Amino acid sequence: MDESRPVATPMAMKLHKRKPEEEACDPSIYQSMIGSLTYAMTATLPDIAYAIGVLSQYNHDPSNEHMVALKRVFRYLNGTKDWLLRFGEGLEDESVLRRYVDSDYAGCPGDY
């Protein structure tokens, strides 16, 4: 997938359960690909978490449509391989995009 054309989003389609008349793909290959992305997602790539969560629901009986959607995640990663995520202090470079998140904003008693 190194030479694939990059895409802007990791997930673009709504998936459905495989129907009996649809062609199935090899579940072991599909599960292996999901597994490699799951490890990457938990360590360094939180931007693909939703896509991997949805795609992993079809591990048991994936169709070719699911494989196409999974390959789209790899194409997205091909386009974002130069991006980085840094935590902590010492980010003196002003060209770095910074984001700050309060994960419990809804639980805050103040009216902001």
Protein backbone atom coordinates (compact mmCIF):
# COMPACT_ATOMS: atom_id res chain seq x y z
CA MET A 1 0.00 0.00 0.00
CA ASP A 2 3.08 2.29 -0.01
CA GLU A 3 2.35 3.34 -3.58
CA SER A 4 -1.40 3.78 -3.12
CA ARG A 5 -3.15 7.07 -3.74
CA PRO A 6 -3.72 8.85 -0.40
CA VAL A 7 -7.22 9.81 0.77
CA ALA A 8 -8.26 12.61 3.14
CA THR A 9 -10.42 10.58 5.56
CA PRO A 10 -10.01 7.09 7.02
CA MET A 11 -13.71 6.16 6.66
CA ALA A 12 -16.12 7.35 4.00
CA MET A 13 -18.80 4.73 3.65
CA LYS A 14 -21.53 3.19 5.71
CA LEU A 15 -21.02 -0.54 6.00
CA HIS A 16 -23.56 -3.31 6.36
CA LYS A 17 -23.43 -6.95 7.32
CA ARG A 18 -22.43 -9.33 4.54
CA LYS A 19 -25.40 -10.88 2.77
CA PRO A 20 -25.22 -14.57 1.80
CA GLU A 21 -25.05 -13.74 -1.92
CA GLU A 22 -22.11 -11.35 -1.47
CA GLU A 23 -18.59 -12.61 -1.98
CA ALA A 24 -16.59 -13.04 1.22
CA CYS A 25 -12.94 -12.20 1.67
CA ASP A 26 -10.45 -14.26 3.65
CA PRO A 27 -11.21 -13.57 7.35
CA SER A 28 -7.66 -14.38 8.49
CA ILE A 29 -6.14 -11.71 6.22
CA TYR A 30 -8.82 -9.21 7.26
CA GLN A 31 -8.27 -9.94 10.96
CA SER A 32 -4.51 -9.65 10.57
CA MET A 33 -4.85 -6.24 8.94
CA ILE A 34 -7.27 -5.07 11.66
CA GLY A 35 -4.88 -6.34 14.33
CA SER A 36 -1.93 -4.40 12.97
CA LEU A 37 -4.00 -1.21 12.84
CA THR A 38 -5.39 -1.79 16.34
CA TYR A 39 -1.90 -1.85 17.79
CA ALA A 40 -0.94 1.31 15.86
CA MET A 41 -4.19 3.02 16.90
CA THR A 42 -3.64 2.47 20.60
CA ALA A 43 -0.01 3.57 20.50
CA THR A 44 0.19 6.51 18.11
CA LEU A 45 -2.79 6.91 15.78
CA PRO A 46 -5.97 7.96 17.62
CA ASP A 47 -7.37 9.49 14.42
CA ILE A 48 -8.22 6.04 13.04
CA ALA A 49 -9.94 4.77 16.22
CA TYR A 50 -13.50 5.17 14.93
CA ALA A 51 -12.79 3.50 11.60
CA ILE A 52 -11.03 0.55 13.25
CA GLY A 53 -13.85 0.20 15.78
CA VAL A 54 -16.44 -0.02 13.01
CA LEU A 55 -14.39 -2.32 10.79
CA SER A 56 -13.53 -4.70 13.62
CA GLN A 57 -17.25 -5.47 14.03
CA TYR A 58 -17.03 -7.46 10.79
CA ASN A 59 -14.05 -9.66 11.79
CA HIS A 60 -16.12 -12.82 11.78
CA ASP A 61 -17.57 -12.59 8.27
CA PRO A 62 -16.02 -9.78 6.19
CA SER A 63 -17.09 -9.07 2.62
CA ASN A 64 -15.07 -7.51 -0.16
CA GLU A 65 -16.79 -4.21 0.69
CA HIS A 66 -15.29 -4.40 4.18
CA MET A 67 -11.85 -5.13 2.71
CA VAL A 68 -12.12 -2.07 0.46
CA ALA A 69 -13.02 0.05 3.49
CA LEU A 70 -10.08 -1.42 5.42
CA LYS A 71 -7.69 -0.67 2.58
CA ARG A 72 -8.98 2.91 2.63
CA VAL A 73 -7.61 3.25 6.18
CA PHE A 74 -4.20 2.16 4.88
CA ARG A 75 -4.49 4.69 2.05
CA TYR A 76 -5.30 7.38 4.64
CA LEU A 77 -2.22 6.38 6.62
CA ASN A 78 -0.14 6.60 3.45
CA GLY A 79 -1.20 10.24 3.12
CA THR A 80 -0.54 11.08 6.77
CA LYS A 81 2.75 9.24 7.33
CA ASP A 82 4.61 12.55 7.74
CA TRP A 83 2.23 13.77 10.47
CA LEU A 84 3.26 13.45 14.07
CA LEU A 85 1.73 13.62 17.50
CA ARG A 86 3.78 15.01 20.37
CA PHE A 87 2.93 15.18 24.03
CA GLY A 88 4.49 17.28 26.74
CA GLU A 89 6.63 20.34 27.11
CA GLY A 90 9.38 21.61 24.88
CA LEU A 91 7.38 22.30 21.73
CA GLU A 92 9.21 25.49 20.78
CA ASP A 93 8.64 25.12 17.02
CA GLU A 94 5.89 27.61 16.12
CA SER A 95 4.96 25.72 12.94
CA VAL A 96 3.55 22.86 15.04
CA LEU A 97 -0.23 22.58 15.20
CA ARG A 98 -1.28 22.53 18.84
CA ARG A 99 -4.55 21.21 20.25
CA TYR A 100 -5.67 21.11 23.86
CA VAL A 101 -8.50 18.86 24.97
CA ASP A 102 -10.53 18.68 28.14
CA SER A 103 -11.91 15.18 27.93
CA ASP A 104 -14.37 15.74 30.79
CA TYR A 105 -15.79 19.08 29.65
CA ALA A 106 -19.38 17.84 30.03
CA GLY A 107 -18.68 16.90 33.66
CA CYS A 108 -17.48 20.40 34.53
CA PRO A 109 -19.88 22.07 37.02
CA GLY A 110 -18.97 25.59 35.84
CA ASP A 111 -20.98 27.43 33.18
CA TYR A 112 -18.38 28.25 30.52
